[in-house]
Amino acid sequence: ISDIELTGPDAYAGYRDAMQGSWVSADDPQSGLQIIGSEQTDTYGAEVMRTSVMTFSDTCPDGTEVGPAYSTQEMGGDPADALCFALVNITPDRMELSYVGRGNTLTYVRP
């Protein structure tokens, strides 16, 4: 690192904090997410499917403006394969995400 620039408070810190921990799909109890810091691990049953870095913004990597959203970049994966999710609703026990590009809403609950 040769230079650091402070930009102020993180506008997405509240979303990141609310998403921490374990989540299970409301539609498929085998499908889950584990979010620790800015790292998301997708699981199916006991198998880890992928681990990704989460980046919060109001736009997807392709420039689509969606409001509060986050994208995931799989560790070791192709940057062109980033997924983007609009943050529809997050409560302590329920999280609703809209998969941008597909338009379907993914609902997760605490186990």
PDB file of N, CA and C in Angstrom:
ATOM      1  N   ILE A   1       0.862  -1.172   0.000  1.00  0.00           N
ATOM      2  CA  ILE A   1       0.000   0.000   0.000  1.00  0.00           C
ATOM      3  C   ILE A   1       0.897   1.220   0.000  1.00  0.00           C
ATOM      4  N   SER A   2       0.667   2.092  -0.951  1.00  0.00           N
ATOM      5  CA  SER A   2       1.484   3.294  -1.036  1.00  0.00           C
ATOM      6  C   SER A   2       0.739   4.544  -0.608  1.00  0.00           C
ATOM      7  N   ASP A   3      -0.613   4.483  -0.526  1.00  0.00           N
ATOM      8  CA  ASP A   3      -1.381   5.668  -0.175  1.00  0.00           C
ATOM      9  C   ASP A   3      -2.743   5.244   0.381  1.00  0.00           C
ATOM     10  N   ILE A   4      -3.209   5.987   1.371  1.00  0.00           N
ATOM     11  CA  ILE A   4      -4.521   5.737   1.951  1.00  0.00           C
ATOM     12  C   ILE A   4      -5.274   7.048   1.989  1.00  0.00           C
ATOM     13  N   GLU A   5      -6.553   6.991   1.585  1.00  0.00           N
ATOM     14  CA  GLU A   5      -7.396   8.177   1.619  1.00  0.00           C
ATOM     15  C   GLU A   5      -8.640   7.866   2.444  1.00  0.00           C
ATOM     16  N   LEU A   6      -8.863   8.642   3.504  1.00  0.00           N
ATOM     17  CA  LEU A   6     -10.043   8.465   4.335  1.00  0.00           C
ATOM     18  C   LEU A   6     -11.219   9.146   3.658  1.00  0.00           C
ATOM     19  N   THR A   7     -12.358   8.431   3.595  1.00  0.00           N
ATOM     20  CA  THR A   7     -13.509   8.977   2.879  1.00  0.00           C
ATOM     21  C   THR A   7     -14.711   9.214   3.780  1.00  0.00           C
ATOM     22  N   GLY A   8     -14.629   8.954   5.047  1.00  0.00           N
ATOM     23  CA  GLY A   8     -15.759   9.153   5.937  1.00  0.00           C
ATOM     24  C   GLY A   8     -16.404   7.852   6.329  1.00  0.00           C
ATOM     25  N   PRO A   9     -17.531   7.946   7.045  1.00  0.00           N
ATOM     26  CA  PRO A   9     -18.190   6.723   7.521  1.00  0.00           C
ATOM     27  C   PRO A   9     -18.699   5.846   6.380  1.00  0.00           C
ATOM     28  N   ASP A  10     -18.786   4.558   6.659  1.00  0.00           N
ATOM     29  CA  ASP A  10     -19.291   3.585   5.690  1.00  0.00           C
ATOM     30  C   ASP A  10     -20.813   3.664   5.653  1.00  0.00           C
ATOM     31  N   ALA A  11     -21.356   4.110   4.542  1.00  0.00           N
ATOM     32  CA  ALA A  11     -22.807   4.268   4.390  1.00  0.00           C
ATOM     33  C   ALA A  11     -23.547   2.934   4.449  1.00  0.00           C
ATOM     34  N   TYR A  12     -22.847   1.832   4.271  1.00  0.00           N
ATOM     35  CA  TYR A  12     -23.476   0.510   4.223  1.00  0.00           C
ATOM     36  C   TYR A  12     -23.205  -0.317   5.478  1.00  0.00           C
ATOM     37  N   ALA A  13     -22.587   0.277   6.486  1.00  0.00           N
ATOM     38  CA  ALA A  13     -22.220  -0.456   7.702  1.00  0.00           C
ATOM     39  C   ALA A  13     -23.436  -1.089   8.376  1.00  0.00           C
ATOM     40  N   GLY A  14     -24.562  -0.396   8.396  1.00  0.00           N
ATOM     41  CA  GLY A  14     -25.770  -0.949   9.022  1.00  0.00           C
ATOM     42  C   GLY A  14     -26.256  -2.206   8.325  1.00  0.00           C
ATOM     43  N   TYR A  15     -26.211  -2.201   6.992  1.00  0.00           N
ATOM     44  CA  TYR A  15     -26.611  -3.396   6.236  1.00  0.00           C
ATOM     45  C   TYR A  15     -25.653  -4.545   6.518  1.00  0.00           C
ATOM     46  N   ARG A  16     -24.353  -4.255   6.450  1.00  0.00           N
ATOM     47  CA  ARG A  16     -23.340  -5.288   6.676  1.00  0.00           C
ATOM     48  C   ARG A  16     -23.520  -5.888   8.070  1.00  0.00           C
ATOM     49  N   ASP A  17     -23.719  -5.037   9.077  1.00  0.00           N
ATOM     50  CA  ASP A  17     -23.898  -5.528  10.447  1.00  0.00           C
ATOM     51  C   ASP A  17     -25.140  -6.407  10.565  1.00  0.00           C
ATOM     52  N   ALA A  18     -26.253  -5.991   9.962  1.00  0.00           N
ATOM     53  CA  ALA A  18     -27.509  -6.742  10.043  1.00  0.00           C
ATOM     54  C   ALA A  18     -27.419  -8.109   9.368  1.00  0.00           C
ATOM     55  N   MET A  19     -26.513  -8.248   8.402  1.00  0.00           N
ATOM     56  CA  MET A  19     -26.405  -9.491   7.635  1.00  0.00           C
ATOM     57  C   MET A  19     -25.483 -10.526   8.275  1.00  0.00           C
ATOM     58  N   GLN A  20     -24.746 -10.150   9.303  1.00  0.00           N
ATOM     59  CA  GLN A  20     -23.768 -11.050   9.905  1.00  0.00           C
ATOM     60  C   GLN A  20     -24.412 -12.309  10.466  1.00  0.00           C
ATOM     61  N   GLY A  21     -23.717 -13.430  10.299  1.00  0.00           N
ATOM     62  CA  GLY A  21     -24.156 -14.686  10.880  1.00  0.00           C
ATOM     63  C   GLY A  21     -24.685 -15.674   9.862  1.00  0.00           C
ATOM     64  N   SER A  22     -25.452 -16.631  10.353  1.00  0.00           N
ATOM     65  CA  SER A  22     -25.959 -17.736   9.531  1.00  0.00           C
ATOM     66  C   SER A  22     -27.381 -17.459   9.068  1.00  0.00           C
ATOM     67  N   TRP A  23     -27.650 -17.873   7.813  1.00  0.00           N
ATOM     68  CA  TRP A  23     -28.969 -17.728   7.194  1.00  0.00           C
ATOM     69  C   TRP A  23     -29.307 -19.011   6.448  1.00  0.00           C
ATOM     70  N   VAL A  24     -30.600 -19.336   6.394  1.00  0.00           N
ATOM     71  CA  VAL A  24     -31.084 -20.502   5.659  1.00  0.00           C
ATOM     72  C   VAL A  24     -32.179 -20.035   4.712  1.00  0.00           C
ATOM     73  N   SER A  25     -32.180 -20.554   3.495  1.00  0.00           N
ATOM     74  CA  SER A  25     -33.210 -20.204   2.525  1.00  0.00           C
ATOM     75  C   SER A  25     -34.589 -20.600   3.034  1.00  0.00           C
ATOM     76  N   ALA A  26     -35.556 -19.672   2.904  1.00  0.00           N
ATOM     77  CA  ALA A  26     -36.935 -19.977   3.286  1.00  0.00           C
ATOM     78  C   ALA A  26     -37.560 -20.968   2.313  1.00  0.00           C
ATOM     79  N   ASP A  27     -37.005 -21.103   1.110  1.00  0.00           N
ATOM     80  CA  ASP A  27     -37.551 -21.997   0.087  1.00  0.00           C
ATOM     81  C   ASP A  27     -36.879 -23.363   0.058  1.00  0.00           C
ATOM     82  N   ASP A  28     -35.630 -23.451   0.536  1.00  0.00           N
ATOM     83  CA  ASP A  28     -34.872 -24.693   0.485  1.00  0.00           C
ATOM     84  C   ASP A  28     -33.969 -24.759   1.715  1.00  0.00           C
ATOM     85  N   PRO A  29     -34.353 -25.496   2.752  1.00  0.00           N
ATOM     86  CA  PRO A  29     -33.580 -25.527   3.991  1.00  0.00           C
ATOM     87  C   PRO A  29     -32.166 -26.100   3.842  1.00  0.00           C
ATOM     88  N   GLN A  30     -31.854 -26.680   2.701  1.00  0.00           N
ATOM     89  CA  GLN A  30     -30.492 -27.163   2.453  1.00  0.00           C
ATOM     90  C   GLN A  30     -29.551 -26.032   2.024  1.00  0.00           C
ATOM     91  N   SER A  31     -30.124 -24.929   1.514  1.00  0.00           N
ATOM     92  CA  SER A  31     -29.346 -23.806   0.993  1.00  0.00           C
ATOM     93  C   SER A  31     -29.129 -22.768   2.089  1.00  0.00           C
ATOM     94  N   GLY A  32     -27.860 -22.413   2.308  1.00  0.00           N
ATOM     95  CA  GLY A  32     -27.566 -21.468   3.376  1.00  0.00           C
ATOM     96  C   GLY A  32     -26.471 -20.490   3.030  1.00  0.00           C
ATOM     97  N   LEU A  33     -26.384 -19.448   3.846  1.00  0.00           N
ATOM     98  CA  LEU A  33     -25.334 -18.437   3.742  1.00  0.00           C
ATOM     99  C   LEU A  33     -24.719 -18.258   5.118  1.00  0.00           C
ATOM    100  N   GLN A  34     -23.421 -18.037   5.149  1.00  0.00           N
ATOM    101  CA  GLN A  34     -22.718 -17.647   6.371  1.00  0.00           C
ATOM    102  C   GLN A  34     -21.988 -16.361   6.017  1.00  0.00           C
ATOM    103  N   ILE A  35     -22.285 -15.273   6.736  1.00  0.00           N
ATOM    104  CA  ILE A  35     -21.660 -13.989   6.452  1.00  0.00           C
ATOM    105  C   ILE A  35     -20.843 -13.572   7.661  1.00  0.00           C
ATOM    106  N   ILE A  36     -19.555 -13.385   7.439  1.00  0.00           N
ATOM    107  CA  ILE A  36     -18.625 -12.945   8.472  1.00  0.00           C
ATOM    108  C   ILE A  36     -17.846 -11.779   7.896  1.00  0.00           C
ATOM    109  N   GLY A  37     -18.042 -10.600   8.470  1.00  0.00           N
ATOM    110  CA  GLY A  37     -17.394  -9.398   7.940  1.00  0.00           C
ATOM    111  C   GLY A  37     -17.905  -9.129   6.539  1.00  0.00           C
ATOM    112  N   SER A  38     -17.002  -9.089   5.570  1.00  0.00           N
ATOM    113  CA  SER A  38     -17.372  -8.895   4.165  1.00  0.00           C
ATOM    114  C   SER A  38     -17.134 -10.160   3.354  1.00  0.00           C
ATOM    115  N   GLU A  39     -17.237 -11.312   4.024  1.00  0.00           N
ATOM    116  CA  GLU A  39     -17.041 -12.598   3.365  1.00  0.00           C
ATOM    117  C   GLU A  39     -18.324 -13.408   3.465  1.00  0.00           C
ATOM    118  N   GLN A  40     -18.798 -13.909   2.332  1.00  0.00           N
ATOM    119  CA  GLN A  40     -20.010 -14.725   2.278  1.00  0.00           C
ATOM    120  C   GLN A  40     -19.653 -16.125   1.813  1.00  0.00           C
ATOM    121  N   THR A  41     -20.088 -17.119   2.576  1.00  0.00           N
ATOM    122  CA  THR A  41     -19.900 -18.515   2.200  1.00  0.00           C
ATOM    123  C   THR A  41     -21.271 -19.100   1.897  1.00  0.00           C
ATOM    124  N   ASP A  42     -21.438 -19.626   0.690  1.00  0.00           N
ATOM    125  CA  ASP A  42     -22.676 -20.272   0.263  1.00  0.00           C
ATOM    126  C   ASP A  42     -22.528 -21.770   0.506  1.00  0.00           C
ATOM    127  N   THR A  43     -23.541 -22.377   1.131  1.00  0.00           N
ATOM    128  CA  THR A  43     -23.497 -23.806   1.408  1.00  0.00           C
ATOM    129  C   THR A  43     -24.751 -24.481   0.864  1.00  0.00           C
ATOM    130  N   TYR A  44     -24.622 -25.765   0.620  1.00  0.00           N
ATOM    131  CA  TYR A  44     -25.776 -26.591   0.293  1.00  0.00           C
ATOM    132  C   TYR A  44     -25.605 -27.885   1.063  1.00  0.00           C
ATOM    133  N   GLY A  45     -26.507 -28.132   2.009  1.00  0.00           N
ATOM    134  CA  GLY A  45     -26.301 -29.249   2.928  1.00  0.00           C
ATOM    135  C   GLY A  45     -25.047 -28.951   3.739  1.00  0.00           C
ATOM    136  N   ALA A  46     -24.150 -29.887   3.814  1.00  0.00           N
ATOM    137  CA  ALA A  46     -22.900 -29.686   4.544  1.00  0.00           C
ATOM    138  C   ALA A  46     -21.766 -29.236   3.624  1.00  0.00           C
ATOM    139  N   GLU A  47     -22.052 -29.064   2.337  1.00  0.00           N
ATOM    140  CA  GLU A  47     -21.009 -28.747   1.356  1.00  0.00           C
ATOM    141  C   GLU A  47     -20.880 -27.243   1.111  1.00  0.00           C
ATOM    142  N   VAL A  48     -19.648 -26.742   1.148  1.00  0.00           N
ATOM    143  CA  VAL A  48     -19.377 -25.350   0.795  1.00  0.00           C
ATOM    144  C   VAL A  48     -19.368 -25.242  -0.724  1.00  0.00           C
ATOM    145  N   MET A  49     -20.228 -24.383  -1.252  1.00  0.00           N
ATOM    146  CA  MET A  49     -20.326 -24.208  -2.700  1.00  0.00           C
ATOM    147  C   MET A  49     -19.349 -23.151  -3.203  1.00  0.00           C
ATOM    148  N   ARG A  50     -19.224 -22.034  -2.462  1.00  0.00           N
ATOM    149  CA  ARG A  50     -18.274 -20.992  -2.831  1.00  0.00           C
ATOM    150  C   ARG A  50     -18.123 -20.018  -1.675  1.00  0.00           C
ATOM    151  N   THR A  51     -16.991 -19.350  -1.655  1.00  0.00           N
ATOM    152  CA  THR A  51     -16.728 -18.279  -0.703  1.00  0.00           C
ATOM    153  C   THR A  51     -16.405 -17.039  -1.514  1.00  0.00           C
ATOM    154  N   SER A  52     -17.068 -15.935  -1.168  1.00  0.00           N
ATOM    155  CA  SER A  52     -16.972 -14.709  -1.955  1.00  0.00           C
ATOM    156  C   SER A  52     -16.717 -13.501  -1.062  1.00  0.00           C
ATOM    157  N   VAL A  53     -16.168 -12.468  -1.661  1.00  0.00           N
ATOM    158  CA  VAL A  53     -16.019 -11.172  -1.009  1.00  0.00           C
ATOM    159  C   VAL A  53     -17.216 -10.323  -1.401  1.00  0.00           C
ATOM    160  N   MET A  54     -17.828  -9.666  -0.410  1.00  0.00           N
ATOM    161  CA  MET A  54     -19.006  -8.823  -0.627  1.00  0.00           C
ATOM    162  C   MET A  54     -18.565  -7.364  -0.754  1.00  0.00           C
ATOM    163  N   THR A  55     -19.142  -6.663  -1.732  1.00  0.00           N
ATOM    164  CA  THR A  55     -18.885  -5.237  -1.916  1.00  0.00           C
ATOM    165  C   THR A  55     -20.223  -4.523  -1.978  1.00  0.00           C
ATOM    166  N   PHE A  56     -20.418  -3.542  -1.112  1.00  0.00           N
ATOM    167  CA  PHE A  56     -21.679  -2.804  -1.040  1.00  0.00           C
ATOM    168  C   PHE A  56     -21.602  -1.524  -1.862  1.00  0.00           C
ATOM    169  N   SER A  57     -22.722  -1.186  -2.514  1.00  0.00           N
ATOM    170  CA  SER A  57     -22.785  -0.004  -3.370  1.00  0.00           C
ATOM    171  C   SER A  57     -24.245   0.257  -3.721  1.00  0.00           C
ATOM    172  N   ASP A  58     -24.498   1.331  -4.464  1.00  0.00           N
ATOM    173  CA  ASP A  58     -25.837   1.577  -5.008  1.00  0.00           C
ATOM    174  C   ASP A  58     -25.949   1.093  -6.449  1.00  0.00           C
ATOM    175  N   THR A  59     -24.855   0.569  -6.991  1.00  0.00           N
ATOM    176  CA  THR A  59     -24.850   0.053  -8.359  1.00  0.00           C
ATOM    177  C   THR A  59     -24.211  -1.328  -8.400  1.00  0.00           C
ATOM    178  N   CYS A  60     -24.611  -2.106  -9.385  1.00  0.00           N
ATOM    179  CA  CYS A  60     -23.999  -3.405  -9.623  1.00  0.00           C
ATOM    180  C   CYS A  60     -22.693  -3.202 -10.401  1.00  0.00           C
ATOM    181  N   PRO A  61     -21.829  -4.199 -10.445  1.00  0.00           N
ATOM    182  CA  PRO A  61     -20.581  -4.068 -11.193  1.00  0.00           C
ATOM    183  C   PRO A  61     -20.778  -3.685 -12.666  1.00  0.00           C
ATOM    184  N   ASP A  62     -21.927  -4.046 -13.247  1.00  0.00           N
ATOM    185  CA  ASP A  62     -22.181  -3.696 -14.654  1.00  0.00           C
ATOM    186  C   ASP A  62     -22.722  -2.275 -14.821  1.00  0.00           C
ATOM    187  N   GLY A  63     -22.875  -1.546 -13.691  1.00  0.00           N
ATOM    188  CA  GLY A  63     -23.357  -0.173 -13.749  1.00  0.00           C
ATOM    189  C   GLY A  63     -24.849  -0.012 -13.512  1.00  0.00           C
ATOM    190  N   THR A  64     -25.590  -1.111 -13.371  1.00  0.00           N
ATOM    191  CA  THR A  64     -27.022  -1.032 -13.109  1.00  0.00           C
ATOM    192  C   THR A  64     -27.253  -0.406 -11.743  1.00  0.00           C
ATOM    193  N   GLU A  65     -28.023   0.695 -11.708  1.00  0.00           N
ATOM    194  CA  GLU A  65     -28.340   1.354 -10.447  1.00  0.00           C
ATOM    195  C   GLU A  65     -29.557   0.691  -9.821  1.00  0.00           C
ATOM    196  N   VAL A  66     -29.396   0.189  -8.602  1.00  0.00           N
ATOM    197  CA  VAL A  66     -30.474  -0.535  -7.938  1.00  0.00           C
ATOM    198  C   VAL A  66     -30.737  -0.050  -6.519  1.00  0.00           C
ATOM    199  N   GLY A  67     -30.040   0.950  -6.053  1.00  0.00           N
ATOM    200  CA  GLY A  67     -30.171   1.364  -4.657  1.00  0.00           C
ATOM    201  C   GLY A  67     -29.257   0.517  -3.802  1.00  0.00           C
ATOM    202  N   PRO A  68     -29.519   0.382  -2.522  1.00  0.00           N
ATOM    203  CA  PRO A  68     -28.602  -0.413  -1.721  1.00  0.00           C
ATOM    204  C   PRO A  68     -28.513  -1.835  -2.273  1.00  0.00           C
ATOM    205  N   ALA A  69     -27.296  -2.247  -2.526  1.00  0.00           N
ATOM    206  CA  ALA A  69     -27.056  -3.567  -3.103  1.00  0.00           C
ATOM    207  C   ALA A  69     -25.676  -4.048  -2.678  1.00  0.00           C
ATOM    208  N   TYR A  70     -25.440  -5.318  -2.931  1.00  0.00           N
ATOM    209  CA  TYR A  70     -24.075  -5.817  -2.763  1.00  0.00           C
ATOM    210  C   TYR A  70     -23.786  -6.807  -3.875  1.00  0.00           C
ATOM    211  N   SER A  71     -22.512  -6.872  -4.228  1.00  0.00           N
ATOM    212  CA  SER A  71     -22.084  -7.847  -5.217  1.00  0.00           C
ATOM    213  C   SER A  71     -21.132  -8.809  -4.538  1.00  0.00           C
ATOM    214  N   THR A  72     -21.061 -10.018  -5.096  1.00  0.00           N
ATOM    215  CA  THR A  72     -20.150 -11.026  -4.571  1.00  0.00           C
ATOM    216  C   THR A  72     -19.174 -11.414  -5.668  1.00  0.00           C
ATOM    217  N   GLN A  73     -17.916 -11.475  -5.294  1.00  0.00           N
ATOM    218  CA  GLN A  73     -16.864 -11.925  -6.195  1.00  0.00           C
ATOM    219  C   GLN A  73     -16.245 -13.162  -5.571  1.00  0.00           C
ATOM    220  N   GLU A  74     -16.442 -14.309  -6.241  1.00  0.00           N
ATOM    221  CA  GLU A  74     -15.929 -15.566  -5.709  1.00  0.00           C
ATOM    222  C   GLU A  74     -14.412 -15.511  -5.608  1.00  0.00           C
ATOM    223  N   MET A  75     -13.892 -15.928  -4.461  1.00  0.00           N
ATOM    224  CA  MET A  75     -12.443 -15.961  -4.272  1.00  0.00           C
ATOM    225  C   MET A  75     -11.837 -16.922  -5.283  1.00  0.00           C
ATOM    226  N   GLY A  76     -10.904 -16.433  -6.062  1.00  0.00           N
ATOM    227  CA  GLY A  76     -10.261 -17.236  -7.090  1.00  0.00           C
ATOM    228  C   GLY A  76     -11.075 -17.339  -8.363  1.00  0.00           C
ATOM    229  N   GLY A  77     -12.229 -16.682  -8.414  1.00  0.00           N
ATOM    230  CA  GLY A  77     -13.106 -16.767  -9.581  1.00  0.00           C
ATOM    231  C   GLY A  77     -12.841 -15.666 -10.593  1.00  0.00           C
ATOM    232  N   ASP A  78     -13.544 -15.717 -11.694  1.00  0.00           N
ATOM    233  CA  ASP A  78     -13.439 -14.739 -12.769  1.00  0.00           C
ATOM    234  C   ASP A  78     -14.195 -13.472 -12.359  1.00  0.00           C
ATOM    235  N   PRO A  79     -13.563 -12.297 -12.390  1.00  0.00           N
ATOM    236  CA  PRO A  79     -14.249 -11.052 -12.026  1.00  0.00           C
ATOM    237  C   PRO A  79     -15.513 -10.786 -12.846  1.00  0.00           C
ATOM    238  N   ALA A  80     -15.598 -11.328 -14.031  1.00  0.00           N
ATOM    239  CA  ALA A  80     -16.787 -11.144 -14.867  1.00  0.00           C
ATOM    240  C   ALA A  80     -17.987 -11.918 -14.323  1.00  0.00           C
ATOM    241  N   ASP A  81     -17.752 -12.822 -13.384  1.00  0.00           N
ATOM    242  CA  ASP A  81     -18.825 -13.646 -12.833  1.00  0.00           C
ATOM    243  C   ASP A  81     -19.387 -13.099 -11.518  1.00  0.00           C
ATOM    244  N   ALA A  82     -19.194 -11.817 -11.245  1.00  0.00           N
ATOM    245  CA  ALA A  82     -19.728 -11.219 -10.014  1.00  0.00           C
ATOM    246  C   ALA A  82     -21.254 -11.249 -10.049  1.00  0.00           C
ATOM    247  N   LEU A  83     -21.859 -11.598  -8.911  1.00  0.00           N
ATOM    248  CA  LEU A  83     -23.302 -11.609  -8.768  1.00  0.00           C
ATOM    249  C   LEU A  83     -23.720 -10.353  -8.019  1.00  0.00           C
ATOM    250  N   CYS A  84     -24.913  -9.821  -8.308  1.00  0.00           N
ATOM    251  CA  CYS A  84     -25.377  -8.607  -7.663  1.00  0.00           C
ATOM    252  C   CYS A  84     -26.766  -8.826  -7.076  1.00  0.00           C
ATOM    253  N   PHE A  85     -26.955  -8.346  -5.837  1.00  0.00           N
ATOM    254  CA  PHE A  85     -28.211  -8.519  -5.116  1.00  0.00           C
ATOM    255  C   PHE A  85     -28.682  -7.175  -4.568  1.00  0.00           C
ATOM    256  N   ALA A  86     -29.898  -6.770  -4.919  1.00  0.00           N
ATOM    257  CA  ALA A  86     -30.505  -5.584  -4.323  1.00  0.00           C
ATOM    258  C   ALA A  86     -30.998  -5.970  -2.934  1.00  0.00           C
ATOM    259  N   LEU A  87     -30.764  -5.086  -1.971  1.00  0.00           N
ATOM    260  CA  LEU A  87     -31.202  -5.335  -0.599  1.00  0.00           C
ATOM    261  C   LEU A  87     -32.651  -4.874  -0.463  1.00  0.00           C
ATOM    262  N   VAL A  88     -33.581  -5.823  -0.459  1.00  0.00           N
ATOM    263  CA  VAL A  88     -35.001  -5.510  -0.409  1.00  0.00           C
ATOM    264  C   VAL A  88     -35.428  -5.210   1.022  1.00  0.00           C
ATOM    265  N   ASN A  89     -35.080  -6.106   1.958  1.00  0.00           N
ATOM    266  CA  ASN A  89     -35.476  -5.941   3.352  1.00  0.00           C
ATOM    267  C   ASN A  89     -34.579  -6.796   4.237  1.00  0.00           C
ATOM    268  N   ILE A  90     -34.133  -6.213   5.357  1.00  0.00           N
ATOM    269  CA  ILE A  90     -33.345  -6.976   6.318  1.00  0.00           C
ATOM    270  C   ILE A  90     -33.852  -6.647   7.714  1.00  0.00           C
ATOM    271  N   THR A  91     -34.265  -7.697   8.436  1.00  0.00           N
ATOM    272  CA  THR A  91     -34.645  -7.574   9.841  1.00  0.00           C
ATOM    273  C   THR A  91     -33.746  -8.539  10.612  1.00  0.00           C
ATOM    274  N   PRO A  92     -33.802  -8.543  11.939  1.00  0.00           N
ATOM    275  CA  PRO A  92     -32.943  -9.487  12.671  1.00  0.00           C
ATOM    276  C   PRO A  92     -33.164 -10.955  12.305  1.00  0.00           C
ATOM    277  N   ASP A  93     -34.368 -11.321  11.842  1.00  0.00           N
ATOM    278  CA  ASP A  93     -34.676 -12.731  11.566  1.00  0.00           C
ATOM    279  C   ASP A  93     -34.963 -13.058  10.113  1.00  0.00           C
ATOM    280  N   ARG A  94     -34.977 -12.053   9.232  1.00  0.00           N
ATOM    281  CA  ARG A  94     -35.358 -12.287   7.832  1.00  0.00           C
ATOM    282  C   ARG A  94     -34.575 -11.355   6.920  1.00  0.00           C
ATOM    283  N   MET A  95     -34.136 -11.898   5.786  1.00  0.00           N
ATOM    284  CA  MET A  95     -33.395 -11.120   4.795  1.00  0.00           C
ATOM    285  C   MET A  95     -33.964 -11.429   3.417  1.00  0.00           C
ATOM    286  N   GLU A  96     -34.339 -10.379   2.676  1.00  0.00           N
ATOM    287  CA  GLU A  96     -34.865 -10.536   1.329  1.00  0.00           C
ATOM    288  C   GLU A  96     -33.938  -9.817   0.358  1.00  0.00           C
ATOM    289  N   LEU A  97     -33.476 -10.567  -0.636  1.00  0.00           N
ATOM    290  CA  LEU A  97     -32.556 -10.065  -1.641  1.00  0.00           C
ATOM    291  C   LEU A  97     -33.154 -10.277  -3.018  1.00  0.00           C
ATOM    292  N   SER A  98     -32.977  -9.323  -3.910  1.00  0.00           N
ATOM    293  CA  SER A  98     -33.423  -9.495  -5.290  1.00  0.00           C
ATOM    294  C   SER A  98     -32.191  -9.733  -6.143  1.00  0.00           C
ATOM    295  N   TYR A  99     -32.157 -10.882  -6.795  1.00  0.00           N
ATOM    296  CA  TYR A  99     -31.024 -11.247  -7.653  1.00  0.00           C
ATOM    297  C   TYR A  99     -31.143 -10.427  -8.933  1.00  0.00           C
ATOM    298  N   VAL A 100     -30.313  -9.400  -9.053  1.00  0.00           N
ATOM    299  CA  VAL A 100     -30.377  -8.478 -10.191  1.00  0.00           C
ATOM    300  C   VAL A 100     -30.017  -9.233 -11.466  1.00  0.00           C
ATOM    301  N   GLY A 101     -30.826  -9.054 -12.484  1.00  0.00           N
ATOM    302  CA  GLY A 101     -30.636  -9.759 -13.742  1.00  0.00           C
ATOM    303  C   GLY A 101     -31.656 -10.867 -13.910  1.00  0.00           C
ATOM    304  N   ARG A 102     -32.021 -11.492 -12.806  1.00  0.00           N
ATOM    305  CA  ARG A 102     -33.052 -12.531 -12.836  1.00  0.00           C
ATOM    306  C   ARG A 102     -34.376 -11.991 -12.310  1.00  0.00           C
ATOM    307  N   GLY A 103     -34.297 -11.062 -11.356  1.00  0.00           N
ATOM    308  CA  GLY A 103     -35.495 -10.448 -10.824  1.00  0.00           C
ATOM    309  C   GLY A 103     -36.204 -11.226  -9.740  1.00  0.00           C
ATOM    310  N   ASN A 104     -35.728 -12.414  -9.405  1.00  0.00           N
ATOM    311  CA  ASN A 104     -36.403 -13.178  -8.364  1.00  0.00           C
ATOM    312  C   ASN A 104     -35.915 -12.739  -6.982  1.00  0.00           C
ATOM    313  N   THR A 105     -36.800 -12.853  -5.987  1.00  0.00           N
ATOM    314  CA  THR A 105     -36.460 -12.483  -4.622  1.00  0.00           C
ATOM    315  C   THR A 105     -36.053 -13.742  -3.857  1.00  0.00           C
ATOM    316  N   LEU A 106     -34.907 -13.664  -3.215  1.00  0.00           N
ATOM    317  CA  LEU A 106     -34.391 -14.750  -2.381  1.00  0.00           C
ATOM    318  C   LEU A 106     -34.653 -14.379  -0.935  1.00  0.00           C
ATOM    319  N   THR A 107     -35.292 -15.256  -0.199  1.00  0.00           N
ATOM    320  CA  THR A 107     -35.627 -14.981   1.200  1.00  0.00           C
ATOM    321  C   THR A 107     -34.860 -15.936   2.093  1.00  0.00           C
ATOM    322  N   TYR A 108     -34.199 -15.358   3.097  1.00  0.00           N
ATOM    323  CA  TYR A 108     -33.418 -16.144   4.071  1.00  0.00           C
ATOM    324  C   TYR A 108     -33.918 -15.830   5.464  1.00  0.00           C
ATOM    325  N   VAL A 109     -33.861 -16.828   6.335  1.00  0.00           N
ATOM    326  CA  VAL A 109     -34.249 -16.677   7.725  1.00  0.00           C
ATOM    327  C   VAL A 109     -33.119 -17.210   8.600  1.00  0.00           C
ATOM    328  N   ARG A 110     -33.137 -16.812   9.861  1.00  0.00           N
ATOM    329  CA  ARG A 110     -32.138 -17.344  10.801  1.00  0.00           C
ATOM    330  C   ARG A 110     -32.491 -18.782  11.134  1.00  0.00           C
ATOM    331  N   PRO A 111     -31.476 -19.642  11.228  1.00  0.00           N
ATOM    332  CA  PRO A 111     -31.759 -21.044  11.589  1.00  0.00           C
ATOM    333  C   PRO A 111     -32.178 -21.180  13.038  1.00  0.00           C
TER     334      PRO A 111
END
